[in-house]
Full PDB file with SEQRES, HELIX, SHEET, SSBOND, CRYST1, ORIGX, SCALE, CONECT and MASTER records, all heavy atoms in Angstrom:
SEQRES   1 A   35  ILE GLY VAL GLU GLN THR ALA LYS SER PHE ASP LEU THR          
SEQRES   2 A   35  GLU TYR CYS PHE PRO GLU LYS SER LEU LEU LEU LEU GLY          
SEQRES   3 A   35  ASN GLU HIS GLU GLY ILE PRO ALA ASN                          
HELIX    1 AA1 LEU A   12  GLU A   14  5                                   3    
CRYST1    1.000    1.000    1.000  90.00  90.00  90.00 P 1           1          
ORIGX1      1.000000  0.000000  0.000000        0.00000                         
ORIGX2      0.000000  1.000000  0.000000        0.00000                         
ORIGX3      0.000000  0.000000  1.000000        0.00000                         
SCALE1      1.000000  0.000000  0.000000        0.00000                         
SCALE2      0.000000  1.000000  0.000000        0.00000                         
SCALE3      0.000000  0.000000  1.000000        0.00000                         
ATOM      1  N   ILE A   1      30.304 -19.623   1.366  1.00  0.00           N  
ATOM      2  CA  ILE A   1      30.097 -18.211   1.704  1.00  0.00           C  
ATOM      3  C   ILE A   1      30.286 -18.007   3.206  1.00  0.00           C  
ATOM      4  O   ILE A   1      29.590 -18.626   4.016  1.00  0.00           O  
ATOM      5  CB  ILE A   1      28.682 -17.760   1.295  1.00  0.00           C  
ATOM      6  CG1 ILE A   1      28.444 -18.016  -0.190  1.00  0.00           C  
ATOM      7  CG2 ILE A   1      28.451 -16.296   1.656  1.00  0.00           C  
ATOM      8  CD1 ILE A   1      26.989 -17.962  -0.599  1.00  0.00           C  
ATOM      9  N   GLY A   2      31.213 -17.154   3.564  1.00  0.00           N  
ATOM     10  CA  GLY A   2      31.427 -16.841   4.973  1.00  0.00           C  
ATOM     11  C   GLY A   2      30.724 -15.554   5.358  1.00  0.00           C  
ATOM     12  O   GLY A   2      30.709 -14.594   4.578  1.00  0.00           O  
ATOM     13  N   VAL A   3      30.113 -15.557   6.528  1.00  0.00           N  
ATOM     14  CA  VAL A   3      29.487 -14.334   7.041  1.00  0.00           C  
ATOM     15  C   VAL A   3      30.534 -13.653   7.910  1.00  0.00           C  
ATOM     16  O   VAL A   3      30.715 -13.983   9.079  1.00  0.00           O  
ATOM     17  CB  VAL A   3      28.220 -14.663   7.862  1.00  0.00           C  
ATOM     18  CG1 VAL A   3      27.504 -13.377   8.268  1.00  0.00           C  
ATOM     19  CG2 VAL A   3      27.286 -15.555   7.073  1.00  0.00           C  
ATOM     20  N   GLU A   4      31.239 -12.713   7.302  1.00  0.00           N  
ATOM     21  CA  GLU A   4      32.385 -12.111   7.996  1.00  0.00           C  
ATOM     22  C   GLU A   4      32.742 -10.781   7.357  1.00  0.00           C  
ATOM     23  O   GLU A   4      32.573 -10.581   6.149  1.00  0.00           O  
ATOM     24  CB  GLU A   4      33.579 -13.068   7.923  1.00  0.00           C  
ATOM     25  CG  GLU A   4      34.756 -12.682   8.788  1.00  0.00           C  
ATOM     26  CD  GLU A   4      34.446 -12.712  10.272  1.00  0.00           C  
ATOM     27  OE1 GLU A   4      34.571 -13.766  10.915  1.00  0.00           O  
ATOM     28  OE2 GLU A   4      34.047 -11.631  10.774  1.00  0.00           O  
ATOM     29  N   GLN A   5      33.252  -9.855   8.180  1.00  0.00           N  
ATOM     30  CA  GLN A   5      33.745  -8.576   7.692  1.00  0.00           C  
ATOM     31  C   GLN A   5      35.232  -8.718   7.389  1.00  0.00           C  
ATOM     32  O   GLN A   5      36.034  -8.928   8.292  1.00  0.00           O  
ATOM     33  CB  GLN A   5      33.527  -7.482   8.742  1.00  0.00           C  
ATOM     34  CG  GLN A   5      32.061  -7.229   9.075  1.00  0.00           C  
ATOM     35  CD  GLN A   5      31.877  -6.253  10.235  1.00  0.00           C  
ATOM     36  OE1 GLN A   5      32.809  -5.971  10.961  1.00  0.00           O  
ATOM     37  NE2 GLN A   5      30.673  -5.759  10.406  1.00  0.00           N  
ATOM     38  N   THR A   6      35.565  -8.638   6.116  1.00  0.00           N  
ATOM     39  CA  THR A   6      36.964  -8.703   5.708  1.00  0.00           C  
ATOM     40  C   THR A   6      37.238  -7.572   4.722  1.00  0.00           C  
ATOM     41  O   THR A   6      36.318  -6.871   4.285  1.00  0.00           O  
ATOM     42  CB  THR A   6      37.303 -10.049   5.028  1.00  0.00           C  
ATOM     43  OG1 THR A   6      36.632 -10.109   3.758  1.00  0.00           O  
ATOM     44  CG2 THR A   6      36.890 -11.227   5.889  1.00  0.00           C  
ATOM     45  N   ALA A   7      38.497  -7.419   4.341  1.00  0.00           N  
ATOM     46  CA  ALA A   7      38.865  -6.357   3.400  1.00  0.00           C  
ATOM     47  C   ALA A   7      38.223  -6.567   2.030  1.00  0.00           C  
ATOM     48  O   ALA A   7      38.006  -5.608   1.288  1.00  0.00           O  
ATOM     49  CB  ALA A   7      40.382  -6.299   3.264  1.00  0.00           C  
ATOM     50  N   LYS A   8      37.879  -7.811   1.709  1.00  0.00           N  
ATOM     51  CA  LYS A   8      37.337  -8.116   0.378  1.00  0.00           C  
ATOM     52  C   LYS A   8      35.880  -8.603   0.434  1.00  0.00           C  
ATOM     53  O   LYS A   8      35.383  -9.134  -0.550  1.00  0.00           O  
ATOM     54  CB  LYS A   8      38.202  -9.172  -0.311  1.00  0.00           C  
ATOM     55  CG  LYS A   8      39.630  -8.719  -0.576  1.00  0.00           C  
ATOM     56  CD  LYS A   8      40.424  -9.807  -1.286  1.00  0.00           C  
ATOM     57  CE  LYS A   8      41.858  -9.355  -1.557  1.00  0.00           C  
ATOM     58  NZ  LYS A   8      42.643 -10.409  -2.259  1.00  0.00           N  
ATOM     59  N   SER A   9      35.231  -8.420   1.556  1.00  0.00           N  
ATOM     60  CA  SER A   9      33.865  -8.935   1.684  1.00  0.00           C  
ATOM     61  C   SER A   9      32.884  -8.109   0.853  1.00  0.00           C  
ATOM     62  O   SER A   9      33.068  -6.914   0.641  1.00  0.00           O  
ATOM     63  CB  SER A   9      33.425  -8.961   3.149  1.00  0.00           C  
ATOM     64  OG  SER A   9      33.491  -7.676   3.717  1.00  0.00           O  
ATOM     65  N   PHE A  10      31.824  -8.786   0.375  1.00  0.00           N  
ATOM     66  CA  PHE A  10      30.773  -8.151  -0.404  1.00  0.00           C  
ATOM     67  C   PHE A  10      29.668  -7.638   0.508  1.00  0.00           C  
ATOM     68  O   PHE A  10      29.343  -8.267   1.527  1.00  0.00           O  
ATOM     69  CB  PHE A  10      30.165  -9.158  -1.390  1.00  0.00           C  
ATOM     70  CG  PHE A  10      31.009  -9.424  -2.598  1.00  0.00           C  
ATOM     71  CD1 PHE A  10      32.063 -10.331  -2.523  1.00  0.00           C  
ATOM     72  CD2 PHE A  10      30.768  -8.793  -3.802  1.00  0.00           C  
ATOM     73  CE1 PHE A  10      32.857 -10.592  -3.631  1.00  0.00           C  
ATOM     74  CE2 PHE A  10      31.551  -9.039  -4.920  1.00  0.00           C  
ATOM     75  CZ  PHE A  10      32.606  -9.947  -4.832  1.00  0.00           C  
ATOM     76  N   ASP A  11      29.080  -6.541   0.135  1.00  0.00           N  
ATOM     77  CA  ASP A  11      27.902  -6.018   0.833  1.00  0.00           C  
ATOM     78  C   ASP A  11      26.719  -6.946   0.523  1.00  0.00           C  
ATOM     79  O   ASP A  11      26.494  -7.315  -0.637  1.00  0.00           O  
ATOM     80  CB  ASP A  11      27.614  -4.606   0.322  1.00  0.00           C  
ATOM     81  CG  ASP A  11      26.524  -3.905   1.128  1.00  0.00           C  
ATOM     82  OD1 ASP A  11      25.448  -4.514   1.327  1.00  0.00           O  
ATOM     83  OD2 ASP A  11      26.735  -2.754   1.526  1.00  0.00           O  
ATOM     84  N   LEU A  12      25.994  -7.345   1.552  1.00  0.00           N  
ATOM     85  CA  LEU A  12      24.865  -8.257   1.372  1.00  0.00           C  
ATOM     86  C   LEU A  12      23.854  -7.727   0.363  1.00  0.00           C  
ATOM     87  O   LEU A  12      23.267  -8.496  -0.391  1.00  0.00           O  
ATOM     88  CB  LEU A  12      24.175  -8.508   2.719  1.00  0.00           C  
ATOM     89  CG  LEU A  12      22.901  -9.355   2.690  1.00  0.00           C  
ATOM     90  CD1 LEU A  12      23.179 -10.734   2.114  1.00  0.00           C  
ATOM     91  CD2 LEU A  12      22.288  -9.462   4.085  1.00  0.00           C  
ATOM     92  N   THR A  13      23.673  -6.408   0.333  1.00  0.00           N  
ATOM     93  CA  THR A  13      22.674  -5.833  -0.573  1.00  0.00           C  
ATOM     94  C   THR A  13      23.103  -5.919  -2.041  1.00  0.00           C  
ATOM     95  O   THR A  13      22.289  -5.697  -2.935  1.00  0.00           O  
ATOM     96  CB  THR A  13      22.405  -4.350  -0.222  1.00  0.00           C  
ATOM     97  OG1 THR A  13      23.617  -3.600  -0.381  1.00  0.00           O  
ATOM     98  CG2 THR A  13      21.916  -4.224   1.214  1.00  0.00           C  
ATOM     99  N   GLU A  14      24.363  -6.243  -2.282  1.00  0.00           N  
ATOM    100  CA  GLU A  14      24.868  -6.300  -3.654  1.00  0.00           C  
ATOM    101  C   GLU A  14      25.261  -7.711  -4.085  1.00  0.00           C  
ATOM    102  O   GLU A  14      25.682  -7.923  -5.230  1.00  0.00           O  
ATOM    103  CB  GLU A  14      26.084  -5.369  -3.798  1.00  0.00           C  
ATOM    104  CG  GLU A  14      25.755  -3.910  -3.482  1.00  0.00           C  
ATOM    105  CD  GLU A  14      26.997  -3.032  -3.455  1.00  0.00           C  
ATOM    106  OE1 GLU A  14      28.119  -3.587  -3.555  1.00  0.00           O  
ATOM    107  OE2 GLU A  14      26.849  -1.805  -3.326  1.00  0.00           O  
ATOM    108  N   TYR A  15      25.122  -8.661  -3.177  1.00  0.00           N  
ATOM    109  CA  TYR A  15      25.594 -10.022  -3.484  1.00  0.00           C  
ATOM    110  C   TYR A  15      24.456 -10.883  -4.034  1.00  0.00           C  
ATOM    111  O   TYR A  15      23.343 -10.883  -3.494  1.00  0.00           O  
ATOM    112  CB  TYR A  15      26.180 -10.687  -2.234  1.00  0.00           C  
ATOM    113  CG  TYR A  15      26.741 -12.057  -2.512  1.00  0.00           C  
ATOM    114  CD1 TYR A  15      27.909 -12.208  -3.264  1.00  0.00           C  
ATOM    115  CD2 TYR A  15      26.098 -13.202  -2.051  1.00  0.00           C  
ATOM    116  CE1 TYR A  15      28.427 -13.465  -3.539  1.00  0.00           C  
ATOM    117  CE2 TYR A  15      26.608 -14.459  -2.329  1.00  0.00           C  
ATOM    118  CZ  TYR A  15      27.768 -14.584  -3.074  1.00  0.00           C  
ATOM    119  OH  TYR A  15      28.273 -15.827  -3.356  1.00  0.00           O  
ATOM    120  N   CYS A  16      24.751 -11.618  -5.103  1.00  0.00           N  
ATOM    121  CA  CYS A  16      23.774 -12.543  -5.695  1.00  0.00           C  
ATOM    122  C   CYS A  16      24.149 -13.965  -5.303  1.00  0.00           C  
ATOM    123  O   CYS A  16      25.214 -14.461  -5.685  1.00  0.00           O  
ATOM    124  CB  CYS A  16      23.744 -12.403  -7.211  1.00  0.00           C  
ATOM    125  SG  CYS A  16      23.113 -10.820  -7.793  1.00  0.00           S  
ATOM    126  N   PHE A  17      23.283 -14.609  -4.558  1.00  0.00           N  
ATOM    127  CA  PHE A  17      23.555 -15.967  -4.086  1.00  0.00           C  
ATOM    128  C   PHE A  17      23.423 -16.982  -5.214  1.00  0.00           C  
ATOM    129  O   PHE A  17      22.410 -17.004  -5.920  1.00  0.00           O  
ATOM    130  CB  PHE A  17      22.591 -16.342  -2.961  1.00  0.00           C  
ATOM    131  CG  PHE A  17      22.882 -15.679  -1.657  1.00  0.00           C  
ATOM    132  CD1 PHE A  17      22.331 -14.444  -1.356  1.00  0.00           C  
ATOM    133  CD2 PHE A  17      23.698 -16.291  -0.713  1.00  0.00           C  
ATOM    134  CE1 PHE A  17      22.586 -13.824  -0.143  1.00  0.00           C  
ATOM    135  CE2 PHE A  17      23.960 -15.681   0.495  1.00  0.00           C  
ATOM    136  CZ  PHE A  17      23.406 -14.437   0.787  1.00  0.00           C  
ATOM    137  N   PRO A  18      24.416 -17.852  -5.382  1.00  0.00           N  
ATOM    138  CA  PRO A  18      24.250 -18.975  -6.305  1.00  0.00           C  
ATOM    139  C   PRO A  18      23.187 -19.929  -5.743  1.00  0.00           C  
ATOM    140  O   PRO A  18      22.920 -19.927  -4.535  1.00  0.00           O  
ATOM    141  CB  PRO A  18      25.625 -19.649  -6.312  1.00  0.00           C  
ATOM    142  CG  PRO A  18      26.559 -18.654  -5.719  1.00  0.00           C  
ATOM    143  CD  PRO A  18      25.757 -17.830  -4.771  1.00  0.00           C  
ATOM    144  N   GLU A  19      22.605 -20.732  -6.622  1.00  0.00           N  
ATOM    145  CA  GLU A  19      21.580 -21.663  -6.151  1.00  0.00           C  
ATOM    146  C   GLU A  19      22.139 -22.629  -5.114  1.00  0.00           C  
ATOM    147  O   GLU A  19      21.519 -22.896  -4.092  1.00  0.00           O  
ATOM    148  CB  GLU A  19      21.007 -22.452  -7.330  1.00  0.00           C  
ATOM    149  CG  GLU A  19      19.885 -23.393  -6.921  1.00  0.00           C  
ATOM    150  CD  GLU A  19      19.265 -24.105  -8.088  1.00  0.00           C  
ATOM    151  OE1 GLU A  19      19.592 -23.766  -9.239  1.00  0.00           O  
ATOM    152  OE2 GLU A  19      18.458 -25.022  -7.859  1.00  0.00           O  
ATOM    153  N   LYS A  20      23.338 -23.157  -5.362  1.00  0.00           N  
ATOM    154  CA  LYS A  20      23.973 -24.058  -4.402  1.00  0.00           C  
ATOM    155  C   LYS A  20      24.921 -23.238  -3.528  1.00  0.00           C  
ATOM    156  O   LYS A  20      26.061 -22.963  -3.908  1.00  0.00           O  
ATOM    157  CB  LYS A  20      24.714 -25.185  -5.126  1.00  0.00           C  
ATOM    158  CG  LYS A  20      23.791 -26.091  -5.931  1.00  0.00           C  
ATOM    159  CD  LYS A  20      24.532 -27.256  -6.571  1.00  0.00           C  
ATOM    160  CE  LYS A  20      24.894 -28.309  -5.532  1.00  0.00           C  
ATOM    161  NZ  LYS A  20      25.405 -29.554  -6.172  1.00  0.00           N  
ATOM    162  N   SER A  21      24.414 -22.799  -2.394  1.00  0.00           N  
ATOM    163  CA  SER A  21      25.173 -21.944  -1.480  1.00  0.00           C  
ATOM    164  C   SER A  21      25.357 -22.635  -0.141  1.00  0.00           C  
ATOM    165  O   SER A  21      24.402 -23.192   0.414  1.00  0.00           O  
ATOM    166  CB  SER A  21      24.455 -20.611  -1.261  1.00  0.00           C  
ATOM    167  OG  SER A  21      24.471 -19.814  -2.415  1.00  0.00           O  
ATOM    168  N   LEU A  22      26.568 -22.587   0.378  1.00  0.00           N  
ATOM    169  CA  LEU A  22      26.842 -23.062   1.732  1.00  0.00           C  
ATOM    170  C   LEU A  22      27.217 -21.856   2.568  1.00  0.00           C  
ATOM    171  O   LEU A  22      28.159 -21.127   2.247  1.00  0.00           O  
ATOM    172  CB  LEU A  22      27.968 -24.095   1.729  1.00  0.00           C  
ATOM    173  CG  LEU A  22      28.308 -24.721   3.087  1.00  0.00           C  
ATOM    174  CD1 LEU A  22      28.839 -26.150   2.900  1.00  0.00           C  
ATOM    175  CD2 LEU A  22      29.335 -23.890   3.870  1.00  0.00           C  
ATOM    176  N   LEU A  23      26.463 -21.632   3.623  1.00  0.00           N  
ATOM    177  CA  LEU A  23      26.640 -20.461   4.480  1.00  0.00           C  
ATOM    178  C   LEU A  23      27.395 -20.872   5.738  1.00  0.00           C  
ATOM    179  O   LEU A  23      26.900 -21.660   6.542  1.00  0.00           O  
ATOM    180  CB  LEU A  23      25.257 -19.910   4.843  1.00  0.00           C  
ATOM    181  CG  LEU A  23      25.171 -18.532   5.490  1.00  0.00           C  
ATOM    182  CD1 LEU A  23      25.733 -17.478   4.563  1.00  0.00           C  
ATOM    183  CD2 LEU A  23      23.724 -18.235   5.845  1.00  0.00           C  
ATOM    184  N   LEU A  24      28.612 -20.375   5.899  1.00  0.00           N  
ATOM    185  CA  LEU A  24      29.416 -20.678   7.083  1.00  0.00           C  
ATOM    186  C   LEU A  24      29.326 -19.523   8.069  1.00  0.00           C  
ATOM    187  O   LEU A  24      29.715 -18.392   7.760  1.00  0.00           O  
ATOM    188  CB  LEU A  24      30.874 -20.927   6.697  1.00  0.00           C  
ATOM    189  CG  LEU A  24      31.827 -21.195   7.876  1.00  0.00           C  
ATOM    190  CD1 LEU A  24      31.468 -22.501   8.588  1.00  0.00           C  
ATOM    191  CD2 LEU A  24      33.276 -21.225   7.406  1.00  0.00           C  
ATOM    192  N   LEU A  25      28.827 -19.816   9.258  1.00  0.00           N  
ATOM    193  CA  LEU A  25      28.694 -18.811  10.316  1.00  0.00           C  
ATOM    194  C   LEU A  25      29.847 -18.945  11.300  1.00  0.00           C  
ATOM    195  O   LEU A  25      30.290 -20.050  11.609  1.00  0.00           O  
ATOM    196  CB  LEU A  25      27.361 -19.003  11.044  1.00  0.00           C  
ATOM    197  CG  LEU A  25      26.115 -18.881  10.155  1.00  0.00           C  
ATOM    198  CD1 LEU A  25      24.875 -19.330  10.906  1.00  0.00           C  
ATOM    199  CD2 LEU A  25      25.946 -17.460   9.658  1.00  0.00           C  
ATOM    200  N   GLY A  26      30.300 -17.799  11.813  1.00  0.00           N  
ATOM    201  CA  GLY A  26      31.434 -17.803  12.723  1.00  0.00           C  
ATOM    202  C   GLY A  26      31.034 -18.033  14.173  1.00  0.00           C  
ATOM    203  O   GLY A  26      29.856 -18.030  14.532  1.00  0.00           O  
ATOM    204  N   ASN A  27      32.045 -18.206  14.999  1.00  0.00           N  
ATOM    205  CA  ASN A  27      31.858 -18.351  16.439  1.00  0.00           C  
ATOM    206  C   ASN A  27      31.378 -17.029  17.038  1.00  0.00           C  
ATOM    207  O   ASN A  27      31.677 -15.949  16.514  1.00  0.00           O  
ATOM    208  CB  ASN A  27      33.171 -18.774  17.089  1.00  0.00           C  
ATOM    209  CG  ASN A  27      33.070 -18.864  18.595  1.00  0.00           C  
ATOM    210  OD1 ASN A  27      33.427 -17.929  19.299  1.00  0.00           O  
ATOM    211  ND2 ASN A  27      32.569 -19.990  19.089  1.00  0.00           N  
ATOM    212  N   GLU A  28      30.631 -17.125  18.150  1.00  0.00           N  
ATOM    213  CA  GLU A  28      30.054 -15.935  18.769  1.00  0.00           C  
ATOM    214  C   GLU A  28      31.098 -14.876  19.126  1.00  0.00           C  
ATOM    215  O   GLU A  28      30.834 -13.677  19.046  1.00  0.00           O  
ATOM    216  CB  GLU A  28      29.286 -16.314  20.051  1.00  0.00           C  
ATOM    217  CG  GLU A  28      27.977 -17.008  19.811  1.00  0.00           C  
ATOM    218  CD  GLU A  28      28.097 -18.524  19.769  1.00  0.00           C  
ATOM    219  OE1 GLU A  28      29.235 -19.040  19.618  1.00  0.00           O  
ATOM    220  OE2 GLU A  28      27.076 -19.206  19.871  1.00  0.00           O  
ATOM    221  N   HIS A  29      32.287 -15.313  19.524  1.00  0.00           N  
ATOM    222  CA  HIS A  29      33.299 -14.350  19.985  1.00  0.00           C  
ATOM    223  C   HIS A  29      34.419 -14.130  18.978  1.00  0.00           C  
ATOM    224  O   HIS A  29      34.930 -13.022  18.835  1.00  0.00           O  
ATOM    225  CB  HIS A  29      33.904 -14.832  21.312  1.00  0.00           C  
ATOM    226  CG  HIS A  29      32.885 -15.018  22.400  1.00  0.00           C  
ATOM    227  ND1 HIS A  29      32.213 -13.960  22.972  1.00  0.00           N  
ATOM    228  CD2 HIS A  29      32.407 -16.138  22.997  1.00  0.00           C  
ATOM    229  CE1 HIS A  29      31.364 -14.419  23.892  1.00  0.00           C  
ATOM    230  NE2 HIS A  29      31.462 -15.727  23.923  1.00  0.00           N  
ATOM    231  N   GLU A  30      34.812 -15.170  18.273  1.00  0.00           N  
ATOM    232  CA  GLU A  30      35.993 -15.098  17.420  1.00  0.00           C  
ATOM    233  C   GLU A  30      35.667 -15.021  15.934  1.00  0.00           C  
ATOM    234  O   GLU A  30      36.574 -14.837  15.109  1.00  0.00           O  
ATOM    235  CB  GLU A  30      36.885 -16.319  17.688  1.00  0.00           C  
ATOM    236  CG  GLU A  30      37.335 -16.409  19.146  1.00  0.00           C  
ATOM    237  CD  GLU A  30      37.939 -17.762  19.473  1.00  0.00           C  
ATOM    238  OE1 GLU A  30      38.009 -18.612  18.559  1.00  0.00           O  
ATOM    239  OE2 GLU A  30      38.328 -17.975  20.634  1.00  0.00           O  
ATOM    240  N   GLY A  31      34.417 -15.170  15.568  1.00  0.00           N  
ATOM    241  CA  GLY A  31      34.063 -15.156  14.153  1.00  0.00           C  
ATOM    242  C   GLY A  31      34.567 -16.396  13.447  1.00  0.00           C  
ATOM    243  O   GLY A  31      34.635 -17.480  14.024  1.00  0.00           O  
ATOM    244  N   ILE A  32      34.947 -16.238  12.191  1.00  0.00           N  
ATOM    245  CA  ILE A  32      35.495 -17.350  11.412  1.00  0.00           C  
ATOM    246  C   ILE A  32      37.015 -17.321  11.519  1.00  0.00           C  
ATOM    247  O   ILE A  32      37.644 -16.312  11.181  1.00  0.00           O  
ATOM    248  CB  ILE A  32      35.074 -17.253   9.928  1.00  0.00           C  
ATOM    249  CG1 ILE A  32      33.551 -17.293   9.809  1.00  0.00           C  
ATOM    250  CG2 ILE A  32      35.694 -18.391   9.117  1.00  0.00           C  
ATOM    251  CD1 ILE A  32      33.035 -17.088   8.399  1.00  0.00           C  
ATOM    252  N   PRO A  33      37.635 -18.402  11.981  1.00  0.00           N  
ATOM    253  CA  PRO A  33      39.100 -18.403  12.123  1.00  0.00           C  
ATOM    254  C   PRO A  33      39.808 -18.270  10.783  1.00  0.00           C  
ATOM    255  O   PRO A  33      39.286 -18.646   9.733  1.00  0.00           O  
ATOM    256  CB  PRO A  33      39.394 -19.760  12.777  1.00  0.00           C  
ATOM    257  CG  PRO A  33      38.172 -20.582  12.593  1.00  0.00           C  
ATOM    258  CD  PRO A  33      37.026 -19.652  12.449  1.00  0.00           C  
ATOM    259  N   ALA A  34      41.027 -17.734  10.832  1.00  0.00           N  
ATOM    260  CA  ALA A  34      41.794 -17.436   9.613  1.00  0.00           C  
ATOM    261  C   ALA A  34      42.014 -18.675   8.758  1.00  0.00           C  
ATOM    262  O   ALA A  34      41.988 -18.596   7.526  1.00  0.00           O  
ATOM    263  CB  ALA A  34      43.132 -16.811   9.993  1.00  0.00           C  
ATOM    264  N   ASN A  35      42.228 -19.828   9.388  1.00  0.00           N  
ATOM    265  CA  ASN A  35      42.502 -21.032   8.599  1.00  0.00           C  
ATOM    266  C   ASN A  35      41.294 -21.462   7.767  1.00  0.00           C  
ATOM    267  O   ASN A  35      41.446 -22.121   6.734  1.00  0.00           O  
ATOM    268  CB  ASN A  35      42.950 -22.178   9.508  1.00  0.00           C  
ATOM    269  CG  ASN A  35      41.818 -22.715  10.372  1.00  0.00           C  
ATOM    270  OD1 ASN A  35      41.170 -21.950  11.094  1.00  0.00           O  
ATOM    271  ND2 ASN A  35      41.579 -24.011  10.302  1.00  0.00           N  
TER     272      ASN A  35                                                      
MASTER        0    0    0    1    0    0    0    6  271    1    0    3          
END                                                                             
């Protein structure tokens, strides 16, 4: 799961986390790189 604003991102208030979730946080300035 990426914490990022994208064209297909889910609203946090509507997202159901799976039990096994990996949360990827972006860089302070650049966010999560495209790759």
